Amino acid sequence: MGRNIFTLIALFTLSVLHSQGQTLQDSILNNKQKVDKPIKVSDTHTPIYQLYPTENSWASIKLDTRNGKLWQVHFSISNDNFEGVLSINLNSLVKPEEEIAGRFTLYPTKNIYNFILLDQIDGRTFKVQWNNDSDKRFIREIY
């Protein structure tokens, strides 16, 4: 009788240990699968919009750093002068799912009206020209 009780306790202990080991192994596999999935990280300290000064005291360029959209922003201290926002580029340069705050950065050039727009992720560069005349405002990729 003592031998049967010992055998039953041993079998019960082994079955409990085996099931615990299987649960741990399943847990490790599930965690590994979660880690292997791409994680989208959003940096809340990276601004979505940046304002870049031009050589003109009354004009700045506003950039949506997620997608490369650009506007020319004018202000005035007089009621007689133009104050407002003019679009340079209203078309996103990336797909919506590729938008990331800080992706695009604007760099001035020696020419007062021209900037270089850089895509920090894929390295594409664009010539940006601001101007009060709509036919002289544009963005074009530099190949």
N, C-alpha and C. Protein backbone atom coordinates (compact mmCIF):
# COMPACT_ATOMS: atom_id res chain seq x y z
N MET A 1 0.82 -1.19 0.00
CA MET A 1 0.00 0.00 0.00
C MET A 1 0.86 1.25 0.00
N GLY A 2 1.94 1.23 0.79
CA GLY A 2 2.84 2.37 0.86
C GLY A 2 3.50 2.65 -0.48
N ARG A 3 3.80 1.56 -1.19
CA ARG A 3 4.44 1.70 -2.50
C ARG A 3 3.47 2.33 -3.49
N ASN A 4 2.18 1.97 -3.45
CA ASN A 4 1.17 2.54 -4.35
C ASN A 4 0.98 4.04 -4.10
N ILE A 5 0.98 4.43 -2.83
CA ILE A 5 0.84 5.86 -2.51
C ILE A 5 2.04 6.64 -3.03
N PHE A 6 3.23 6.06 -2.81
CA PHE A 6 4.45 6.72 -3.31
C PHE A 6 4.40 6.86 -4.83
N THR A 7 3.97 5.83 -5.54
CA THR A 7 3.87 5.86 -7.00
C THR A 7 2.85 6.91 -7.44
N LEU A 8 1.71 6.97 -6.77
CA LEU A 8 0.70 7.95 -7.13
C LEU A 8 1.20 9.39 -6.90
N ILE A 9 1.88 9.61 -5.79
CA ILE A 9 2.43 10.96 -5.51
C ILE A 9 3.48 11.33 -6.54
N ALA A 10 4.32 10.37 -6.90
CA ALA A 10 5.37 10.63 -7.89
C ALA A 10 4.75 10.96 -9.25
N LEU A 11 3.74 10.20 -9.66
CA LEU A 11 3.08 10.47 -10.94
C LEU A 11 2.37 11.82 -10.94
N PHE A 12 1.70 12.11 -9.83
CA PHE A 12 1.01 13.41 -9.72
C PHE A 12 2.01 14.57 -9.80
N THR A 13 3.13 14.44 -9.09
CA THR A 13 4.16 15.49 -9.10
C THR A 13 4.74 15.67 -10.49
N LEU A 14 5.03 14.59 -11.18
CA LEU A 14 5.57 14.67 -12.54
C LEU A 14 4.57 15.32 -13.51
N SER A 15 3.30 14.97 -13.37
CA SER A 15 2.30 15.56 -14.28
C SER A 15 2.15 17.06 -14.02
N VAL A 16 2.20 17.49 -12.76
CA VAL A 16 2.11 18.91 -12.44
C VAL A 16 3.33 19.65 -12.99
N LEU A 17 4.52 19.11 -12.79
CA LEU A 17 5.74 19.74 -13.31
C LEU A 17 5.71 19.83 -14.83
N HIS A 18 5.24 18.78 -15.49
CA HIS A 18 5.17 18.80 -16.95
C HIS A 18 4.21 19.87 -17.45
N SER A 19 3.04 19.98 -16.82
CA SER A 19 2.06 20.99 -17.26
C SER A 19 2.59 22.41 -16.99
N GLN A 20 3.28 22.61 -15.88
CA GLN A 20 3.87 23.93 -15.59
C GLN A 20 4.94 24.26 -16.62
N GLY A 21 5.75 23.29 -16.96
CA GLY A 21 6.80 23.51 -17.97
C GLY A 21 6.21 23.84 -19.33
N GLN A 22 5.12 23.17 -19.69
CA GLN A 22 4.45 23.43 -20.97
C GLN A 22 3.86 24.83 -20.98
N THR A 23 3.24 25.26 -19.86
CA THR A 23 2.67 26.60 -19.77
C THR A 23 3.76 27.65 -19.90
N LEU A 24 4.91 27.44 -19.26
CA LEU A 24 6.03 28.37 -19.35
C LEU A 24 6.54 28.44 -20.78
N GLN A 25 6.66 27.27 -21.45
CA GLN A 25 7.14 27.24 -22.82
C GLN A 25 6.17 27.99 -23.73
N ASP A 26 4.86 27.79 -23.57
CA ASP A 26 3.86 28.50 -24.37
C ASP A 26 3.96 30.00 -24.13
N SER A 27 4.15 30.39 -22.89
CA SER A 27 4.27 31.80 -22.55
C SER A 27 5.48 32.42 -23.23
N ILE A 28 6.61 31.70 -23.24
CA ILE A 28 7.82 32.21 -23.90
C ILE A 28 7.59 32.36 -25.39
N LEU A 29 6.92 31.37 -26.01
CA LEU A 29 6.63 31.46 -27.45
C LEU A 29 5.71 32.64 -27.76
N ASN A 30 4.69 32.83 -26.94
CA ASN A 30 3.78 33.96 -27.16
C ASN A 30 4.50 35.29 -27.03
N ASN A 31 5.37 35.42 -26.03
CA ASN A 31 6.13 36.66 -25.86
C ASN A 31 7.08 36.88 -27.02
N LYS A 32 7.70 35.80 -27.53
CA LYS A 32 8.61 35.93 -28.66
C LYS A 32 7.84 36.42 -29.89
N GLN A 33 6.65 35.88 -30.10
CA GLN A 33 5.85 36.31 -31.23
C GLN A 33 5.49 37.78 -31.12
N LYS A 34 5.20 38.26 -29.92
CA LYS A 34 4.87 39.66 -29.73
C LYS A 34 6.06 40.54 -30.02
N VAL A 35 7.26 40.13 -29.66
CA VAL A 35 8.47 40.93 -29.87
C VAL A 35 8.82 41.00 -31.35
N ASP A 36 8.57 39.91 -32.09
CA ASP A 36 8.92 39.87 -33.50
C ASP A 36 8.09 40.81 -34.35
N LYS A 37 6.92 41.24 -33.86
CA LYS A 37 6.07 42.15 -34.63
C LYS A 37 6.68 43.54 -34.62
N PRO A 38 6.62 44.28 -35.75
CA PRO A 38 7.16 45.65 -35.75
C PRO A 38 6.38 46.54 -34.80
N ILE A 39 7.09 47.37 -34.09
CA ILE A 39 6.49 48.28 -33.13
C ILE A 39 6.62 49.69 -33.66
N LYS A 40 5.50 50.41 -33.73
CA LYS A 40 5.52 51.80 -34.18
C LYS A 40 5.71 52.68 -32.94
N VAL A 41 6.82 53.39 -32.93
CA VAL A 41 7.14 54.25 -31.80
C VAL A 41 6.83 55.68 -32.18
N SER A 42 6.15 56.39 -31.31
CA SER A 42 5.82 57.79 -31.55
C SER A 42 6.52 58.63 -30.49
N ASP A 43 7.35 59.53 -30.93
CA ASP A 43 8.06 60.42 -30.01
C ASP A 43 7.22 61.66 -29.82
N THR A 44 6.69 61.82 -28.62
CA THR A 44 5.79 62.95 -28.37
C THR A 44 6.55 64.27 -28.27
N HIS A 45 7.88 64.22 -28.23
CA HIS A 45 8.66 65.45 -28.13
C HIS A 45 9.00 66.02 -29.51
N THR A 46 8.78 65.27 -30.56
CA THR A 46 9.05 65.74 -31.91
C THR A 46 7.85 66.53 -32.40
N PRO A 47 8.04 67.80 -32.74
CA PRO A 47 6.90 68.60 -33.17
C PRO A 47 6.40 68.19 -34.56
N ILE A 48 5.10 68.30 -34.73
CA ILE A 48 4.51 68.01 -36.04
C ILE A 48 4.77 69.17 -36.99
N TYR A 49 4.65 70.38 -36.49
CA TYR A 49 4.87 71.57 -37.33
C TYR A 49 6.11 72.32 -36.86
N GLN A 50 6.88 72.81 -37.83
CA GLN A 50 8.04 73.64 -37.56
C GLN A 50 7.90 74.92 -38.38
N LEU A 51 8.38 76.01 -37.83
CA LEU A 51 8.37 77.29 -38.53
C LEU A 51 9.82 77.69 -38.80
N TYR A 52 10.15 77.94 -40.07
CA TYR A 52 11.51 78.28 -40.47
C TYR A 52 11.54 79.72 -40.98
N PRO A 53 12.43 80.55 -40.45
CA PRO A 53 12.52 81.93 -40.92
C PRO A 53 13.14 81.99 -42.31
N THR A 54 12.77 83.00 -43.06
CA THR A 54 13.42 83.29 -44.34
C THR A 54 14.26 84.55 -44.13
N GLU A 55 14.96 84.97 -45.15
CA GLU A 55 15.72 86.22 -45.08
C GLU A 55 14.79 87.44 -45.08
N ASN A 56 13.56 87.23 -45.48
CA ASN A 56 12.55 88.28 -45.44
C ASN A 56 11.99 88.35 -44.02
N SER A 57 12.07 89.49 -43.39
CA SER A 57 11.63 89.63 -42.00
C SER A 57 10.15 89.33 -41.80
N TRP A 58 9.36 89.42 -42.85
CA TRP A 58 7.91 89.28 -42.74
C TRP A 58 7.39 87.92 -43.21
N ALA A 59 8.29 87.03 -43.63
CA ALA A 59 7.86 85.73 -44.16
C ALA A 59 8.61 84.58 -43.50
N SER A 60 7.88 83.54 -43.22
CA SER A 60 8.45 82.29 -42.70
C SER A 60 7.84 81.13 -43.47
N ILE A 61 8.44 79.95 -43.35
CA ILE A 61 7.92 78.75 -43.99
C ILE A 61 7.46 77.80 -42.88
N LYS A 62 6.22 77.34 -42.98
CA LYS A 62 5.68 76.35 -42.04
C LYS A 62 5.74 74.99 -42.71
N LEU A 63 6.30 74.01 -41.98
CA LEU A 63 6.47 72.65 -42.49
C LEU A 63 5.72 71.66 -41.61
N ASP A 64 4.95 70.79 -42.24
CA ASP A 64 4.39 69.64 -41.54
C ASP A 64 5.47 68.56 -41.63
N THR A 65 6.15 68.30 -40.52
CA THR A 65 7.31 67.41 -40.52
C THR A 65 6.96 65.95 -40.76
N ARG A 66 5.66 65.60 -40.73
CA ARG A 66 5.24 64.22 -40.97
C ARG A 66 5.20 63.88 -42.44
N ASN A 67 4.81 64.86 -43.29
CA ASN A 67 4.51 64.53 -44.68
C ASN A 67 5.06 65.50 -45.73
N GLY A 68 5.74 66.56 -45.32
CA GLY A 68 6.36 67.48 -46.27
C GLY A 68 5.46 68.56 -46.82
N LYS A 69 4.27 68.73 -46.27
CA LYS A 69 3.41 69.82 -46.71
C LYS A 69 4.00 71.14 -46.23
N LEU A 70 3.91 72.20 -47.09
CA LEU A 70 4.56 73.49 -46.79
C LEU A 70 3.63 74.67 -47.05
N TRP A 71 3.77 75.70 -46.21
CA TRP A 71 3.02 76.94 -46.38
C TRP A 71 3.97 78.12 -46.16
N GLN A 72 3.67 79.19 -46.81
CA GLN A 72 4.38 80.45 -46.64
C GLN A 72 3.54 81.31 -45.70
N VAL A 73 4.13 81.73 -44.58
CA VAL A 73 3.39 82.47 -43.56
C VAL A 73 3.89 83.91 -43.53
N HIS A 74 2.99 84.86 -43.72
CA HIS A 74 3.34 86.28 -43.69
C HIS A 74 2.66 86.96 -42.51
N PHE A 75 3.37 87.88 -41.90
CA PHE A 75 2.75 88.72 -40.87
C PHE A 75 3.13 90.16 -41.14
N SER A 76 2.41 91.06 -40.51
CA SER A 76 2.62 92.48 -40.75
C SER A 76 2.36 93.25 -39.46
N ILE A 77 3.01 94.39 -39.35
CA ILE A 77 2.71 95.28 -38.21
C ILE A 77 1.85 96.45 -38.67
N SER A 78 1.47 96.38 -39.95
CA SER A 78 0.65 97.44 -40.53
C SER A 78 -0.59 96.83 -41.15
N ASN A 79 -1.69 97.55 -41.11
CA ASN A 79 -2.92 97.07 -41.75
C ASN A 79 -2.86 97.14 -43.26
N ASP A 80 -1.88 97.86 -43.79
CA ASP A 80 -1.77 98.05 -45.23
C ASP A 80 -1.08 96.89 -45.94
N ASN A 81 -0.31 96.10 -45.22
CA ASN A 81 0.47 95.02 -45.84
C ASN A 81 -0.24 93.67 -45.69
N PHE A 82 0.14 92.74 -46.56
CA PHE A 82 -0.47 91.40 -46.57
C PHE A 82 -0.08 90.62 -45.31
N GLU A 83 -1.07 89.95 -44.75
CA GLU A 83 -0.85 89.04 -43.64
C GLU A 83 -1.70 87.81 -43.90
N GLY A 84 -1.07 86.63 -43.90
CA GLY A 84 -1.81 85.41 -44.17
C GLY A 84 -0.91 84.24 -44.50
N VAL A 85 -1.52 83.17 -44.96
CA VAL A 85 -0.82 81.93 -45.27
C VAL A 85 -1.05 81.59 -46.74
N LEU A 86 0.04 81.28 -47.44
CA LEU A 86 -0.02 80.87 -48.84
C LEU A 86 0.54 79.46 -48.96
N SER A 87 -0.11 78.61 -49.73
CA SER A 87 0.37 77.22 -49.84
C SER A 87 1.52 77.12 -50.83
N ILE A 88 2.49 76.29 -50.46
CA ILE A 88 3.60 75.96 -51.36
C ILE A 88 3.40 74.53 -51.85
N ASN A 89 3.08 73.62 -50.92
CA ASN A 89 2.87 72.22 -51.27
C ASN A 89 1.77 71.66 -50.38
N LEU A 90 0.61 71.37 -50.97
CA LEU A 90 -0.50 70.79 -50.20
C LEU A 90 -0.60 69.28 -50.35
N ASN A 91 0.32 68.69 -51.11
CA ASN A 91 0.30 67.25 -51.35
C ASN A 91 1.31 66.55 -50.44
N SER A 92 0.86 65.50 -49.76
CA SER A 92 1.76 64.72 -48.92
C SER A 92 2.81 64.04 -49.79
N LEU A 93 4.04 64.00 -49.30
CA LEU A 93 5.13 63.37 -50.03
C LEU A 93 5.31 61.91 -49.65
N VAL A 94 4.48 61.42 -48.72
CA VAL A 94 4.52 60.02 -48.30
C VAL A 94 3.09 59.51 -48.12
N LYS A 95 2.96 58.20 -48.06
CA LYS A 95 1.66 57.59 -47.80
C LYS A 95 1.27 57.87 -46.35
N PRO A 96 -0.03 57.93 -46.04
CA PRO A 96 -0.46 58.23 -44.66
C PRO A 96 0.16 57.30 -43.61
N GLU A 97 0.32 56.02 -43.94
CA GLU A 97 0.87 55.08 -42.96
C GLU A 97 2.38 55.28 -42.76
N GLU A 98 3.03 56.08 -43.62
CA GLU A 98 4.46 56.35 -43.50
C GLU A 98 4.76 57.69 -42.81
N GLU A 99 3.72 58.41 -42.42
CA GLU A 99 3.92 59.71 -41.77
C GLU A 99 4.46 59.52 -40.36
N ILE A 100 5.54 60.23 -40.07
CA ILE A 100 6.17 60.20 -38.74
C ILE A 100 6.60 61.63 -38.42
N ALA A 101 6.24 62.11 -37.24
CA ALA A 101 6.67 63.46 -36.84
C ALA A 101 8.19 63.54 -36.87
N GLY A 102 8.72 64.58 -37.51
CA GLY A 102 10.16 64.77 -37.62
C GLY A 102 10.76 64.15 -38.87
N ARG A 103 9.95 63.55 -39.72
CA ARG A 103 10.48 62.89 -40.91
C ARG A 103 11.12 63.89 -41.88
N PHE A 104 10.51 65.06 -42.04
CA PHE A 104 11.02 66.06 -42.99
C PHE A 104 11.65 67.24 -42.26
N THR A 105 12.76 67.72 -42.81
CA THR A 105 13.45 68.89 -42.27
C THR A 105 13.78 69.83 -43.42
N LEU A 106 13.68 71.13 -43.15
CA LEU A 106 13.93 72.16 -44.15
C LEU A 106 15.27 72.84 -43.87
N TYR A 107 16.06 73.03 -44.92
CA TYR A 107 17.37 73.66 -44.79
C TYR A 107 17.45 74.88 -45.71
N PRO A 108 17.91 76.01 -45.21
CA PRO A 108 18.04 77.20 -46.06
C PRO A 108 19.22 77.04 -47.03
N THR A 109 19.16 77.80 -48.11
CA THR A 109 20.28 77.87 -49.06
C THR A 109 20.76 79.32 -49.09
N LYS A 110 21.75 79.60 -49.90
CA LYS A 110 22.26 80.98 -50.03
C LYS A 110 21.26 81.87 -50.77
N ASN A 111 20.34 81.25 -51.52
CA ASN A 111 19.32 82.00 -52.24
C ASN A 111 18.17 82.28 -51.28
N ILE A 112 17.77 83.53 -51.15
CA ILE A 112 16.72 83.94 -50.20
C ILE A 112 15.40 83.20 -50.40
N TYR A 113 15.08 82.81 -51.62
CA TYR A 113 13.79 82.20 -51.93
C TYR A 113 13.80 80.67 -51.95
N ASN A 114 14.96 80.05 -51.82
CA ASN A 114 15.06 78.59 -51.96
C ASN A 114 15.49 77.90 -50.68
N PHE A 115 14.89 76.75 -50.45
CA PHE A 115 15.24 75.87 -49.34
C PHE A 115 15.39 74.46 -49.90
N ILE A 116 16.06 73.60 -49.14
CA ILE A 116 16.13 72.18 -49.47
C ILE A 116 15.33 71.44 -48.41
N LEU A 117 14.39 70.61 -48.86
CA LEU A 117 13.59 69.77 -47.97
C LEU A 117 14.19 68.37 -48.02
N LEU A 118 14.50 67.81 -46.84
CA LEU A 118 15.12 66.49 -46.76
C LEU A 118 14.19 65.51 -46.07
N ASP A 119 13.98 64.36 -46.70
CA ASP A 119 13.27 63.25 -46.06
C ASP A 119 14.32 62.49 -45.26
N GLN A 120 14.22 62.56 -43.94
CA GLN A 120 15.22 61.98 -43.04
C GLN A 120 15.24 60.45 -43.09
N ILE A 121 14.17 59.83 -43.60
CA ILE A 121 14.10 58.37 -43.61
C ILE A 121 14.66 57.78 -44.89
N ASP A 122 14.21 58.27 -46.05
CA ASP A 122 14.69 57.65 -47.29
C ASP A 122 15.70 58.51 -48.06
N GLY A 123 15.99 59.72 -47.56
CA GLY A 123 17.05 60.54 -48.15
C GLY A 123 16.64 61.37 -49.36
N ARG A 124 15.38 61.32 -49.75
CA ARG A 124 14.96 62.13 -50.90
C ARG A 124 15.12 63.61 -50.56
N THR A 125 15.47 64.39 -51.57
CA THR A 125 15.62 65.84 -51.39
C THR A 125 14.74 66.58 -52.39
N PHE A 126 14.25 67.75 -51.96
CA PHE A 126 13.35 68.55 -52.78
C PHE A 126 13.80 70.01 -52.75
N LYS A 127 13.70 70.66 -53.87
CA LYS A 127 13.91 72.11 -53.94
C LYS A 127 12.58 72.76 -53.63
N VAL A 128 12.59 73.67 -52.67
CA VAL A 128 11.38 74.41 -52.28
C VAL A 128 11.63 75.88 -52.58
N GLN A 129 10.72 76.49 -53.31
CA GLN A 129 10.85 77.92 -53.59
C GLN A 129 9.59 78.64 -53.11
N TRP A 130 9.79 79.64 -52.27
CA TRP A 130 8.67 80.45 -51.81
C TRP A 130 8.72 81.77 -52.57
N ASN A 131 7.57 82.38 -52.74
CA ASN A 131 7.48 83.66 -53.43
C ASN A 131 6.08 84.21 -53.22
N ASN A 132 5.95 85.51 -53.31
CA ASN A 132 4.62 86.12 -53.20
C ASN A 132 3.76 85.83 -54.42
N ASP A 133 4.38 85.60 -55.56
CA ASP A 133 3.66 85.27 -56.79
C ASP A 133 3.41 83.76 -56.82
N SER A 134 2.16 83.38 -56.99
CA SER A 134 1.81 81.95 -56.94
C SER A 134 2.51 81.13 -58.02
N ASP A 135 2.75 81.72 -59.20
CA ASP A 135 3.41 80.97 -60.27
C ASP A 135 4.91 80.77 -60.01
N LYS A 136 5.45 81.40 -58.98
CA LYS A 136 6.87 81.24 -58.64
C LYS A 136 7.07 80.42 -57.36
N ARG A 137 5.98 79.95 -56.75
CA ARG A 137 6.07 79.07 -55.57
C ARG A 137 5.95 77.63 -56.05
N PHE A 138 6.88 76.77 -55.59
CA PHE A 138 6.80 75.36 -56.00
C PHE A 138 7.70 74.49 -55.13
N ILE A 139 7.51 73.19 -55.31
CA ILE A 139 8.40 72.19 -54.75
C ILE A 139 8.66 71.18 -55.87
N ARG A 140 9.91 70.73 -55.96
CA ARG A 140 10.25 69.73 -56.99
C ARG A 140 11.38 68.85 -56.46
N GLU A 141 11.26 67.57 -56.72
CA GLU A 141 12.27 66.63 -56.24
C GLU A 141 13.58 66.83 -56.98
N ILE A 142 14.68 66.72 -56.26
CA ILE A 142 16.03 66.81 -56.84
C ILE A 142 16.51 65.38 -57.02
N TYR A 143 16.80 65.01 -58.27
CA TYR A 143 17.25 63.64 -58.57
C TYR A 143 18.74 63.58 -58.72
